Protein backbone atom coordinates (compact mmCIF):
# COMPACT_ATOMS: atom_id res chain seq x y z
CA UNK A 1 -4.09 11.27 29.12
CA UNK A 2 -6.97 9.84 31.02
CA UNK A 3 -10.35 11.29 31.80
CA UNK A 4 -11.91 14.67 31.30
CA UNK A 5 -9.14 17.21 31.64
CA UNK A 6 -8.61 20.93 31.53
CA UNK A 7 -12.20 22.11 31.23
CA UNK A 8 -12.44 25.89 31.51
CA UNK A 9 -15.36 28.28 31.67
CA UNK A 10 -13.82 30.14 28.74
CA UNK A 11 -12.05 28.28 25.93
CA UNK A 12 -10.32 30.94 23.82
CA UNK A 13 -8.69 28.34 21.61
CA UNK A 14 -11.69 26.20 20.81
CA UNK A 15 -12.67 22.76 22.04
CA UNK A 16 -9.32 20.99 22.17
CA UNK A 17 -9.01 21.03 25.97
CA UNK A 18 -12.04 18.70 26.18
CA UNK A 19 -9.87 15.67 25.61
CA UNK A 20 -12.46 12.98 26.13
CA UNK A 21 -15.00 14.64 23.84
CA UNK A 22 -13.18 16.26 20.94
CA UNK A 23 -12.03 13.98 18.11
CA UNK A 24 -9.50 15.19 15.56
CA UNK A 25 -9.63 14.77 11.82
CA UNK A 26 -8.76 11.09 11.49
CA UNK A 27 -6.39 9.66 8.92
CA UNK A 28 -4.78 6.24 9.22
CA UNK A 29 -2.49 5.59 12.16
CA UNK A 30 -0.07 4.29 9.57
CA UNK A 31 -0.51 2.84 6.10
CA UNK A 32 1.55 -0.09 7.36
CA UNK A 33 -1.57 -1.27 9.21
CA UNK A 34 -3.38 -1.57 5.87
CA UNK A 35 -0.52 -3.60 4.49
CA UNK A 36 -0.68 -5.97 7.47
CA UNK A 37 -4.40 -6.51 6.83
CA UNK A 38 -3.59 -7.29 3.21
CA UNK A 39 -0.90 -9.82 4.13
CA UNK A 40 -3.26 -11.54 6.58
CA UNK A 41 -5.89 -11.95 3.86
CA UNK A 42 -3.19 -13.18 1.49
CA UNK A 43 -2.11 -15.68 4.13
CA UNK A 44 -5.70 -16.93 4.52
CA UNK A 45 -6.02 -17.48 0.78
CA UNK A 46 -2.61 -19.13 0.56
CA UNK A 47 -3.35 -21.62 3.35
CA UNK A 48 -6.84 -22.46 2.10
CA UNK A 49 -5.79 -22.88 -1.54
CA UNK A 50 -2.30 -24.38 -1.49
CA UNK A 51 -1.21 -27.69 0.01
CA UNK A 52 1.62 -26.72 2.31
CA UNK A 53 2.93 -27.30 5.82
CA UNK A 54 2.50 -24.22 8.01
CA UNK A 55 5.38 -25.12 10.34
CA UNK A 56 5.46 -22.77 13.33
CA UNK A 57 3.01 -20.43 11.54
CA UNK A 58 5.32 -17.54 12.31
CA UNK A 59 3.47 -15.24 9.94
CA UNK A 60 0.37 -15.39 12.14
CA UNK A 61 2.41 -14.44 15.19
CA UNK A 62 4.29 -11.67 13.42
CA UNK A 63 1.03 -10.19 12.10
CA UNK A 64 -0.52 -10.31 15.58
CA UNK A 65 2.52 -8.68 17.15
CA UNK A 66 2.74 -5.85 14.59
CA UNK A 67 -0.99 -5.13 14.62
CA UNK A 68 -1.06 -4.89 18.42
CA UNK A 69 1.97 -2.59 18.40
CA UNK A 70 0.33 -0.22 15.93
CA UNK A 71 -2.90 -0.19 17.95
CA UNK A 72 -1.18 0.10 21.34
CA UNK A 73 -2.61 -3.23 22.51
CA UNK A 74 -0.74 -5.48 24.90
CA UNK A 75 0.74 -8.72 23.58
CA UNK A 76 1.59 -11.47 26.04
CA UNK A 77 3.23 -14.86 25.33
CA UNK A 78 -0.19 -16.47 25.83
CA UNK A 79 -2.04 -14.16 23.43
CA UNK A 80 0.70 -14.58 20.83
CA UNK A 81 0.53 -18.37 21.16
CA UNK A 82 -3.26 -18.22 20.76
CA UNK A 83 -2.88 -16.11 17.61
CA UNK A 84 -0.69 -18.78 16.01
CA UNK A 85 -3.42 -21.43 16.15
CA UNK A 86 -0.85 -23.97 17.34
CA UNK A 87 -0.58 -25.91 20.56
CA UNK A 88 0.93 -23.86 23.36
CA UNK A 89 4.17 -25.89 23.44
CA UNK A 90 4.75 -25.60 19.69
CA UNK A 91 3.89 -21.91 19.71
CA UNK A 92 6.22 -21.29 22.64
CA UNK A 93 9.13 -22.80 20.69
CA UNK A 94 8.22 -20.62 17.71
CA UNK A 95 8.14 -17.47 19.86
CA UNK A 96 11.53 -18.31 21.33
CA UNK A 97 12.96 -18.82 17.84
CA UNK A 98 11.71 -15.39 16.76
CA UNK A 99 13.05 -13.78 19.93
CA UNK A 100 16.51 -15.29 19.46
CA UNK A 101 16.67 -13.75 16.00
CA UNK A 102 16.26 -10.31 17.59
CA UNK A 103 12.77 -9.64 16.24
CA UNK A 104 10.93 -9.58 19.57
CA UNK A 105 11.54 -7.44 22.64
CA UNK A 106 10.47 -9.15 25.86
CA UNK A 107 9.80 -6.49 28.49
CA UNK A 108 9.08 -7.24 32.18
CA UNK A 109 5.66 -6.03 33.35
CA UNK A 110 6.51 -6.33 37.04
CA UNK A 111 9.61 -5.83 39.18
CA UNK A 112 9.96 -9.59 39.62
CA UNK A 113 10.03 -10.10 35.87
CA UNK A 114 7.75 -13.14 36.08
CA UNK A 115 5.26 -11.66 33.63
CA UNK A 116 6.34 -10.00 30.41
CA UNK A 117 4.90 -8.21 27.41
CA UNK A 118 6.13 -8.85 23.87
CA UNK A 119 6.84 -6.14 21.29
CA UNK A 120 8.34 -5.94 17.78
CA UNK A 121 11.96 -4.81 17.86
CA UNK A 122 13.15 -1.90 15.69
CA UNK A 123 14.70 -4.52 13.38
CA UNK A 124 11.35 -6.25 12.96
CA UNK A 125 9.56 -2.97 12.20
CA UNK A 126 12.19 -2.11 9.58
CA UNK A 127 11.86 -5.60 8.06
CA UNK A 128 8.12 -5.17 7.66
CA UNK A 129 8.51 -1.76 6.07
CA UNK A 130 11.04 -3.18 3.59
CA UNK A 131 8.73 -6.15 2.98
CA UNK A 132 5.85 -3.83 2.18
CA UNK A 133 7.98 -1.93 -0.33
CA UNK A 134 9.12 -5.15 -2.02
CA UNK A 135 5.57 -6.52 -2.27
CA UNK A 136 4.46 -3.20 -3.74
CA UNK A 137 7.20 -3.52 -6.34
CA UNK A 138 6.10 -7.05 -7.23
CA UNK A 139 2.34 -6.49 -7.35
CA UNK A 140 2.47 -3.15 -9.18
CA UNK A 141 3.64 -4.46 -12.57
CA UNK A 142 1.42 -7.55 -12.16
CA UNK A 143 -1.64 -5.28 -12.19
CA UNK A 144 -0.25 -2.73 -14.61
CA UNK A 145 0.68 -0.18 -11.91
CA UNK A 146 4.03 1.58 -11.81
CA UNK A 147 5.39 0.87 -8.26
CA UNK A 148 6.78 4.42 -8.09
CA UNK A 149 3.53 6.02 -9.19
CA UNK A 150 1.23 8.02 -6.95
CA UNK A 151 -1.55 5.43 -7.29
CA UNK A 152 0.72 2.60 -6.18
CA UNK A 153 1.95 4.70 -3.27
CA UNK A 154 -1.61 5.28 -2.08
CA UNK A 155 -2.41 1.57 -2.32
CA UNK A 156 0.39 0.68 0.04
CA UNK A 157 2.72 2.95 1.98
CA UNK A 158 1.99 6.29 0.36
CA UNK A 159 5.67 6.88 -0.40
CA UNK A 160 8.23 6.47 -3.11
CA UNK A 161 10.90 3.87 -2.39
CA UNK A 162 13.53 6.39 -3.50
CA UNK A 163 12.80 8.62 -0.50
CA UNK A 164 13.64 7.83 3.14
CA UNK A 165 10.59 6.96 5.22
CA UNK A 166 10.62 7.42 9.00
CA UNK A 167 9.66 4.23 10.78
CA UNK A 168 6.86 3.64 13.24
CA UNK A 169 8.20 4.12 16.81
CA UNK A 170 9.39 0.95 18.50
CA UNK A 171 8.91 0.29 22.22
CA UNK A 172 11.63 1.11 24.72
CA UNK A 173 13.69 -1.97 25.54
CA UNK A 174 13.04 -1.36 29.25
CA UNK A 175 9.80 0.13 30.54
CA UNK A 176 10.06 3.52 32.23
CA UNK A 177 9.85 3.40 36.00
CA UNK A 178 7.76 6.37 37.14
CA UNK A 179 5.47 6.04 40.13
CA UNK A 180 2.00 7.23 39.18
CA UNK A 181 2.83 7.25 35.46
CA UNK A 182 4.09 10.04 33.18
CA UNK A 183 2.32 13.31 34.05
CA UNK A 184 2.09 15.82 31.21
CA UNK A 185 0.69 19.36 31.20
CA UNK A 186 -0.14 20.08 27.56
CA UNK A 187 -1.53 22.82 25.36
CA UNK A 188 -5.07 22.32 23.99
CA UNK A 189 -4.46 22.00 20.25
CA UNK A 190 -4.52 19.39 17.46
CA UNK A 191 -0.94 18.20 18.03
CA UNK A 192 -1.52 17.37 21.67
CA UNK A 193 -4.95 16.01 20.73
CA UNK A 194 -3.14 13.59 18.41
CA UNK A 195 -0.96 12.56 21.36
CA UNK A 196 -4.12 12.02 23.37
CA UNK A 197 -5.66 9.85 20.64
CA UNK A 198 -2.43 7.82 20.59
CA UNK A 199 -2.57 7.27 24.36
CA UNK A 200 -2.64 3.49 24.20
CA UNK A 201 0.20 3.28 21.72
CA UNK A 202 2.37 5.71 23.68
CA UNK A 203 1.67 3.84 26.91
CA UNK A 204 2.73 0.63 25.17
CA UNK A 205 5.95 2.27 23.95
CA UNK A 206 6.87 3.60 27.41
CA UNK A 207 5.41 0.73 29.42
CA UNK A 208 3.46 2.96 31.81
CA UNK A 209 0.31 5.04 32.17
CA UNK A 210 0.30 8.53 30.67
CA UNK A 211 -1.77 11.14 32.47
CA UNK A 212 -2.36 14.32 30.53
CA UNK A 213 -3.99 17.64 31.33
CA UNK A 214 -4.72 20.01 28.44
CA UNK A 215 -5.15 23.76 28.93
CA UNK A 216 -5.71 26.78 26.71
CA UNK A 217 -2.81 29.22 26.47
CA UNK A 218 -3.45 31.60 29.40
CA UNK A 219 -4.59 28.82 31.72
CA UNK A 220 -1.58 26.71 30.74
CA UNK A 221 0.82 29.47 31.80
CA UNK A 222 -1.10 29.97 35.04
CA UNK A 223 -0.86 26.24 35.80
CA UNK A 224 2.89 26.26 35.15
CA UNK A 225 3.33 29.12 37.63
CA UNK A 226 1.05 27.47 40.21
CA UNK A 227 3.02 24.23 39.88
CA UNK A 228 6.31 26.09 40.40
CA UNK A 229 5.15 27.17 43.87
CA UNK A 230 4.90 23.56 45.05
CA UNK A 231 7.74 21.83 46.85
CA UNK A 232 7.59 18.99 44.32
CA UNK A 233 6.17 19.31 40.82
CA UNK A 234 2.88 17.59 40.08
CA UNK A 235 3.90 17.39 36.41
CA UNK A 236 6.86 15.61 34.79
CA UNK A 237 6.71 17.47 31.48
CA UNK A 238 5.15 20.83 30.67
CA UNK A 239 4.44 22.27 27.22
CA UNK A 240 5.63 25.89 26.95
CA UNK A 241 4.79 28.49 24.32
CA UNK A 242 8.08 29.62 22.76
CA UNK A 243 7.92 33.26 23.97
CA UNK A 244 7.61 32.09 27.58
CA UNK A 245 11.09 30.62 27.87
CA UNK A 246 12.78 33.89 28.84
CA UNK A 247 10.38 34.49 31.72
CA UNK A 248 10.20 30.88 32.92
CA UNK A 249 13.94 30.25 32.70
CA UNK A 250 14.90 33.55 34.37
CA UNK A 251 12.45 32.76 37.20
CA UNK A 252 14.00 29.34 37.80
CA UNK A 253 10.79 27.53 36.90
CA UNK A 254 12.34 25.24 34.26
CA UNK A 255 15.25 22.82 34.51
CA UNK A 256 18.23 23.53 32.21
CA UNK A 257 18.78 20.55 29.91
CA UNK A 258 22.36 21.24 28.77
CA UNK A 259 24.08 18.59 30.87
CA UNK A 260 21.59 15.90 29.76
CA UNK A 261 21.85 16.94 26.11
CA UNK A 262 25.65 16.91 26.20
CA UNK A 263 25.90 13.65 28.15
CA UNK A 264 23.66 11.81 25.68
CA UNK A 265 24.97 13.58 22.58
CA UNK A 266 21.39 14.53 21.78
CA UNK A 267 21.54 16.09 18.32
CA UNK A 268 19.45 19.25 17.88
CA UNK A 269 20.53 20.03 14.31
CA UNK A 270 17.38 18.48 12.78
CA UNK A 271 15.14 21.07 14.48
CA UNK A 272 14.16 24.40 12.93
CA UNK A 273 16.93 26.72 14.21
CA UNK A 274 14.54 29.45 15.40
CA UNK A 275 12.57 26.90 17.43
CA UNK A 276 15.76 25.83 19.21
CA UNK A 277 16.82 29.42 19.82
CA UNK A 278 13.38 30.32 21.16
CA UNK A 279 13.32 27.43 23.64
CA UNK A 280 16.62 28.50 25.18
CA UNK A 281 17.66 31.42 27.34
CA UNK A 282 20.97 33.03 28.30
CA UNK A 283 22.99 30.40 26.49
CA UNK A 284 21.22 27.39 28.00
CA UNK A 285 18.61 25.06 26.51
CA UNK A 286 15.42 24.68 28.54
CA UNK A 287 13.08 22.95 26.08
CA UNK A 288 12.96 20.57 23.13
CA UNK A 289 10.54 21.68 20.38
CA UNK A 290 7.52 19.49 19.74
CA UNK A 291 5.85 21.72 17.14
CA UNK A 292 6.70 24.73 14.98
CA UNK A 293 3.68 26.69 13.86
CA UNK A 294 4.10 29.92 11.90
CA UNK A 295 1.26 32.38 11.49
CA UNK A 296 0.42 32.75 7.81
CA UNK A 297 -2.13 34.59 5.71
CA UNK A 298 -4.65 32.07 4.35
CA UNK A 299 -6.67 33.09 1.33
CA UNK A 300 -9.33 31.45 -0.83
CA UNK A 301 -7.72 30.81 -4.19
CA UNK A 302 -11.07 30.09 -5.87
CA UNK A 303 -12.63 33.35 -4.66
CA UNK A 304 -9.56 35.35 -5.65
CA UNK A 305 -9.56 33.75 -9.11
CA UNK A 306 -13.26 34.46 -9.63
CA UNK A 307 -12.73 38.11 -8.64
CA UNK A 308 -9.49 38.28 -10.68
CA UNK A 309 -7.56 39.47 -7.64
CA UNK A 310 -3.89 38.89 -6.87
CA UNK A 311 -2.94 37.68 -3.38
CA UNK A 312 -1.89 40.70 -1.27
CA UNK A 313 1.76 41.12 -0.36
CA UNK A 314 1.45 44.51 1.39
CA UNK A 315 -0.83 45.75 4.14
CA UNK A 316 -2.26 48.37 1.81
CA UNK A 317 -3.12 45.75 -0.81
CA UNK A 318 -4.66 43.49 1.85
CA UNK A 319 -7.07 46.21 3.00
CA UNK A 320 -8.12 46.87 -0.61
CA UNK A 321 -8.73 43.18 -1.28
CA UNK A 322 -10.63 42.75 1.99
CA UNK A 323 -12.87 45.66 1.00
CA UNK A 324 -13.60 44.12 -2.41
CA UNK A 325 -14.42 40.68 -1.01
CA UNK A 326 -16.45 41.91 1.97
CA UNK A 327 -20.11 41.00 1.39
CA UNK A 328 -22.03 40.81 4.71
CA UNK A 329 -25.35 40.36 2.90
CA UNK A 330 -24.12 36.99 1.64
CA UNK A 331 -22.51 36.08 4.98
CA UNK A 332 -18.98 36.49 3.67
CA UNK A 333 -16.44 38.84 5.23
CA UNK A 334 -13.09 40.14 4.09
CA UNK A 335 -10.75 38.79 6.78
CA UNK A 336 -10.72 37.02 10.13
CA UNK A 337 -8.03 37.73 12.73
CA UNK A 338 -7.33 37.82 16.47
CA UNK A 339 -9.06 40.86 17.97
CA UNK A 340 -10.25 39.41 21.29
CA UNK A 341 -9.13 41.32 24.39
CA UNK A 342 -5.92 40.19 26.09
CA UNK A 343 -3.42 37.66 24.77
CA UNK A 344 -5.02 37.11 21.33
CA UNK A 345 -5.01 40.82 20.44
CA UNK A 346 -1.61 41.28 22.08
CA UNK A 347 -0.14 38.68 19.71
CA UNK A 348 -1.76 40.42 16.74
CA UNK A 349 -0.33 43.78 17.78
CA UNK A 350 3.22 42.47 18.18
CA UNK A 351 3.06 40.77 14.78
CA UNK A 352 1.64 43.87 13.10
CA UNK A 353 4.37 46.05 14.58
CA UNK A 354 6.82 43.64 12.97
CA UNK A 355 5.07 44.17 9.62
CA UNK A 356 6.03 47.82 9.92
CA UNK A 357 9.64 46.99 10.72
CA UNK A 358 9.80 47.40 14.52
CA UNK A 359 9.80 44.78 17.32
CA UNK A 360 7.60 45.44 20.34
CA UNK A 361 10.84 46.14 22.25
CA UNK A 362 13.86 48.08 20.97
CA UNK A 363 15.97 45.08 19.95
CA UNK A 364 19.29 45.73 18.18
CA UNK A 365 19.42 44.97 14.49
CA UNK A 366 21.37 42.00 13.24
CA UNK A 367 21.78 40.14 9.96
CA UNK A 368 18.33 39.01 8.86
CA UNK A 369 16.36 40.75 11.59
CA UNK A 370 16.78 41.62 15.28
CA UNK A 371 18.88 40.05 18.01
CA UNK A 372 16.79 38.91 20.98
CA UNK A 373 19.37 36.51 22.41
CA UNK A 374 21.88 39.16 23.49
CA UNK A 375 19.63 42.19 24.07
CA UNK A 376 19.99 43.97 27.40
CA UNK A 377 19.38 47.31 29.09
CA UNK A 378 17.71 49.92 26.91
CA UNK A 379 17.49 47.37 24.10
CA UNK A 380 14.59 45.84 26.07
CA UNK A 381 12.62 49.09 26.30
CA UNK A 382 9.02 48.77 25.02
CA UNK A 383 8.23 50.62 21.79
CA UNK A 384 4.51 51.40 22.14
CA UNK A 385 5.06 55.03 21.16
CA UNK A 386 6.85 54.26 17.91
CA UNK A 387 5.58 54.98 14.42
CA UNK A 388 5.22 51.23 13.82
CA UNK A 389 2.92 50.88 16.86
CA UNK A 390 0.69 53.73 15.64
CA UNK A 391 0.52 52.29 12.12
CA UNK A 392 -0.32 48.83 13.50
CA UNK A 393 -3.33 50.34 15.29
CA UNK A 394 -4.45 52.21 12.17
CA UNK A 395 -4.18 48.99 10.17
CA UNK A 396 -6.35 47.13 12.69
CA UNK A 397 -9.00 49.86 12.53
CA UNK A 398 -9.02 49.46 8.75
CA UNK A 399 -9.40 45.68 9.06
CA UNK A 400 -12.31 46.06 11.48
CA UNK A 401 -14.45 47.47 8.67
CA UNK A 402 -14.14 44.25 6.68
CA UNK A 403 -14.19 41.69 9.49
CA UNK A 404 -16.90 39.30 10.80
CA UNK A 405 -19.38 40.86 13.29
CA UNK A 406 -17.92 38.83 16.19
CA UNK A 407 -14.38 40.04 15.50
CA UNK A 408 -13.89 41.59 18.98
CA UNK A 409 -14.35 38.15 20.57
CA UNK A 410 -12.38 36.28 17.92
CA UNK A 411 -9.18 34.45 18.83
CA UNK A 412 -7.14 31.57 17.37
CA UNK A 413 -9.79 28.89 16.97
CA UNK A 414 -12.64 31.22 16.02
CA UNK A 415 -10.72 32.92 13.22
CA UNK A 416 -9.62 29.57 11.75
CA UNK A 417 -13.17 28.23 12.02
CA UNK A 418 -14.60 31.37 10.36
CA UNK A 419 -12.27 30.87 7.42
CA UNK A 420 -12.71 27.09 7.23
CA UNK A 421 -16.51 27.38 7.22
CA UNK A 422 -16.48 29.88 4.35
CA UNK A 423 -17.33 32.92 6.45
CA UNK A 424 -14.12 34.79 5.62
CA UNK A 425 -12.17 35.06 2.37
CA UNK A 426 -8.87 35.56 4.21
CA UNK A 427 -7.54 34.88 7.69
CA UNK A 428 -4.38 35.21 9.68
CA UNK A 429 -3.98 31.67 10.97
CA UNK A 430 -1.42 29.50 12.73
CA UNK A 431 -0.62 26.30 10.85
CA UNK A 432 -1.39 24.58 14.15
CA UNK A 433 -5.09 24.88 13.26
CA UNK A 434 -4.69 24.11 9.55
CA UNK A 435 -6.25 20.63 10.05
CA UNK A 436 -9.59 22.46 10.16
CA UNK A 437 -8.90 23.36 6.52
CA UNK A 438 -6.63 20.64 5.18
CA UNK A 439 -8.31 17.56 6.68
CA UNK A 440 -11.98 18.56 6.47
CA UNK A 441 -13.20 17.76 2.96
CA UNK A 442 -16.56 19.41 3.70
CA UNK A 443 -14.86 22.80 4.19
CA UNK A 444 -15.21 25.14 1.20
CA UNK A 445 -11.60 26.15 1.90
CA UNK A 446 -10.36 22.55 1.52
CA UNK A 447 -8.16 22.34 -1.58
CA UNK A 448 -8.81 26.01 -2.29
CA UNK A 449 -6.40 27.63 0.18
CA UNK A 450 -3.19 29.48 -0.54
CA UNK A 451 -0.67 30.38 2.17
CA UNK A 452 1.50 33.50 2.31
CA UNK A 453 3.95 35.17 4.64
CA UNK A 454 2.58 38.23 6.44
CA UNK A 455 1.99 41.08 3.98
CA UNK A 456 4.44 43.88 4.81
CA UNK A 457 3.87 47.50 5.74
CA UNK A 458 6.18 50.43 5.09
CA UNK A 459 9.76 49.82 6.27
CA UNK A 460 8.94 46.14 6.82
CA UNK A 461 10.16 43.01 5.06
CA UNK A 462 8.59 39.62 4.39
CA UNK A 463 8.67 37.56 7.57
CA UNK A 464 6.59 34.83 9.13
CA UNK A 465 6.19 35.04 12.92
CA UNK A 466 7.00 31.70 14.48
CA UNK A 467 4.87 30.12 17.16
CA UNK A 468 4.80 26.68 18.67
CA UNK A 469 5.57 24.73 21.79
CA UNK A 470 8.53 22.97 23.33
CA UNK A 471 8.50 20.34 26.06
CA UNK A 472 10.32 21.22 29.27
CA UNK A 473 10.97 19.71 32.70
CA UNK A 474 9.91 21.67 35.81
CA UNK A 475 12.86 22.67 38.00
CA UNK A 476 11.06 21.33 41.08
CA UNK A 477 10.64 17.82 39.70
CA UNK A 478 11.63 15.15 42.23
CA UNK A 479 15.27 14.20 41.44
CA UNK A 480 14.52 10.47 41.28
CA UNK A 481 12.14 11.07 38.34
CA UNK A 482 14.48 13.14 36.16
CA UNK A 483 16.24 10.35 34.24
CA UNK A 484 13.05 8.55 33.21
CA UNK A 485 11.33 11.84 32.35
CA UNK A 486 14.27 12.95 30.19
CA UNK A 487 14.06 9.62 28.33
CA UNK A 488 10.33 10.20 27.75
CA UNK A 489 10.90 13.80 26.62
CA UNK A 490 13.51 12.73 24.06
CA UNK A 491 11.17 10.12 22.62
CA UNK A 492 8.11 12.40 22.58
CA UNK A 493 10.08 14.89 20.43
CA UNK A 494 11.78 12.29 18.20
CA UNK A 495 11.27 12.15 14.40
CA UNK A 496 9.32 8.88 14.73
CA UNK A 497 6.90 10.40 17.24
CA UNK A 498 6.59 13.68 15.35
CA UNK A 499 5.58 11.78 12.23
CA UNK A 500 3.11 9.72 14.24
CA UNK A 501 1.38 12.89 15.50
CA UNK A 502 1.06 14.15 11.92
CA UNK A 503 -0.34 10.85 10.68
CA UNK A 504 -2.99 11.18 13.37
CA UNK A 505 -4.32 14.69 12.94
CA UNK A 506 -1.52 17.25 13.41
CA UNK A 507 0.04 19.28 10.61
CA UNK A 508 3.11 20.77 12.29
CA UNK A 509 6.58 19.52 13.06
CA UNK A 510 9.77 21.29 14.19
CA UNK A 511 12.00 18.76 12.37
CA UNK A 512 13.33 18.97 8.82
CA UNK A 513 13.56 15.17 8.52
CA UNK A 514 9.85 14.77 9.26
CA UNK A 515 8.82 17.46 6.75
CA UNK A 516 10.85 15.66 4.10
CA UNK A 517 9.32 12.25 4.79
CA UNK A 518 7.30 11.45 1.63
CA UNK A 519 4.28 10.17 3.58
CA UNK A 520 4.18 13.42 5.56
CA UNK A 521 4.82 15.69 2.58
CA UNK A 522 1.95 14.04 0.68
CA UNK A 523 -0.61 15.04 3.31
CA UNK A 524 -0.68 18.77 2.59
CA UNK A 525 1.25 21.37 0.57
CA UNK A 526 1.54 23.29 3.84
CA UNK A 527 4.25 20.90 5.08
CA UNK A 528 6.66 21.89 2.31
CA UNK A 529 5.72 25.57 2.52
CA UNK A 530 6.68 25.79 6.20
CA UNK A 531 9.82 23.69 5.74
CA UNK A 532 10.95 25.99 2.93
CA UNK A 533 10.34 29.07 5.11
CA UNK A 534 12.47 27.54 7.87
CA UNK A 535 15.32 26.84 5.46
CA UNK A 536 15.24 30.41 4.13
CA UNK A 537 15.14 31.95 7.63
CA UNK A 538 11.77 33.55 6.93
CA UNK A 539 10.49 32.11 10.21
CA UNK A 540 11.38 34.68 12.86
CA UNK A 541 10.94 34.84 16.64
CA UNK A 542 11.75 38.52 17.18
CA UNK A 543 8.12 39.69 16.73
CA UNK A 544 7.45 37.92 20.08
CA UNK A 545 10.96 37.62 21.52
CA UNK A 546 11.40 35.12 24.38
CA UNK A 547 12.75 37.65 26.90
CA UNK A 548 11.67 38.19 30.52
CA UNK A 549 8.63 40.45 30.59
CA UNK A 550 7.29 39.71 27.09
CA UNK A 551 4.19 37.92 28.41
CA UNK A 552 3.18 40.99 30.45
CA UNK A 553 3.86 43.29 27.49
CA UNK A 554 1.61 41.20 25.23
CA UNK A 555 -1.12 41.29 27.86
CA UNK A 556 -0.80 45.07 28.22
CA UNK A 557 -1.04 45.50 24.45
CA UNK A 558 -4.05 43.23 24.21
CA UNK A 559 -5.96 45.09 26.89
CA UNK A 560 -5.06 48.73 26.19
CA UNK A 561 -5.39 48.53 22.41
CA UNK A 562 -8.71 46.74 22.72
CA UNK A 563 -10.04 50.07 24.01
CA UNK A 564 -9.11 51.57 20.63
CA UNK A 565 -10.88 48.85 18.64
CA UNK A 566 -13.94 49.16 20.86
CA UNK A 567 -14.07 52.91 20.21
CA UNK A 568 -13.48 54.05 23.78
CA UNK A 569 -9.98 55.50 23.46
CA UNK A 570 -7.78 57.21 20.87
CA UNK A 571 -4.71 55.46 19.47
CA UNK A 572 -2.40 58.07 20.97
CA UNK A 573 -3.90 57.77 24.46
CA UNK A 574 -3.95 53.97 24.43
CA UNK A 575 -0.32 53.73 23.33
CA UNK A 576 0.74 56.28 25.96
CA UNK A 577 -0.92 54.24 28.74
CA UNK A 578 0.55 51.02 27.35
CA UNK A 579 4.05 52.53 27.26
CA UNK A 580 3.81 53.70 30.86
CA UNK A 581 2.60 50.29 32.07
CA UNK A 582 5.15 48.40 29.99
CA UNK A 583 8.08 50.55 31.17
CA UNK A 584 7.10 49.80 34.76
CA UNK A 585 7.10 46.04 34.07
CA UNK A 586 10.51 46.06 32.40
CA UNK A 587 12.04 48.21 35.15
CA UNK A 588 10.70 45.76 37.74
CA UNK A 589 12.38 42.98 35.77
CA UNK A 590 15.65 44.88 36.27
CA UNK A 591 16.28 45.45 32.58
CA UNK A 592 17.02 49.20 32.95
């Protein structure tokens, strides 16, 4: 993740592709680091106050090893010996004693194995987490604090001992062998920014350099297609938006992962089911989810309470509320949403059609929604000339009246920023960008935001359109790199890593176990809200189904319907042109 990467002339998703310049909202890497600092100070006081023999001074070495692991710094036998304060010979015997007890992993740094790096083993990490809990239990009553209370949790690990806590990731027992390092093409957003900020720690875990390139959504897809034309892929792992998997898999751009998943018994049951379904195609799995991010309606609870308004659950109610809260003279607008030409508006249109009960293509109905996994033939015909499409356009024209003045250039980042800064009383917003609200205490929306599923139109039902990204392997990756890359992909999408991203600035995870981790759940009420939606199957992919051709359909919608919002074309004419263009695309795909 080195250097300045992915800088575009136009950044429709905000500043996150400027990796070397854009910091994320920073919370602690892990509260365990605070505990280690506490123990070190306790050790200083103990040694200076009590008359005792320090022996091998193992505590000094263990503290040094754990702190370096959490910070992604390299520990060598020499640096560990220096940290002990003992002579080199005595320290060396102490290190060997710790290693023999299975607490240290010694990993070769070169092919000869003459130089090694030292790392805490998973057993050592678990020991320290248990130790922290026990010390919390001892010190709490001593100072009149209930160890299970919220205040005690914040002092130490931020979690109740009665709940399972996901451990900090341990290093791989053997470093990955990948010439030139691990090459990742990522999406420019807070989750991948968290991965970038954790570069040193991830490099320590894998034992190699990580080179990352971050791109906004349209440029990311273009890069994936450009890379597919090469004889050998320049990337090891690519991040793919969930709706892309139909197109990319059908075109042979991604490697099917089924044989690797089955061989390793890689369990996918912990992931949100819709995220797994969306990252597969035609019965095969092509990606492993790294984030699940539904689009919700955010609203200012304090403003609604002051105006004695109820949160809107229908499109009609939303327009009325937006009208009442719209006050341009005071710099406050009713609602912010994606109305920028192209992909942003195309996403809005497909989601709004779903509000009115119709997917953008004529998918067959099934229990709980529409079946995109088995649709074929006429079931893939675009539905731009449906009643739902017309009503979606009318709804957008209504929203325009109560939107910020820059609405026709507003996309994902801008709408979230408008809401977070207090410029809008409501916003459609992906949870991906919720850190702008939840982690920024200077935002007037911080602590004052409620989250709802999309308000429904006529014939619609309460759903939450799912978004997010999954990590995939390019089909043209050099065969000799596949095994190491698959190992990296599994670890990058593991519960331990997913929690680490959240503790460093992200707010989304595709895993139930991570959402239920008490440290994670304590960060924001949004974590539980999304997890509950996933359990109740409210999260749905059919508003943007991952079928071949969907990307072109979204682009067509975003360009043709923009003419309506800009006042240059009637709804009927725009939808007619969109239908004609979309039919041509789907016929060329061989669907009918």
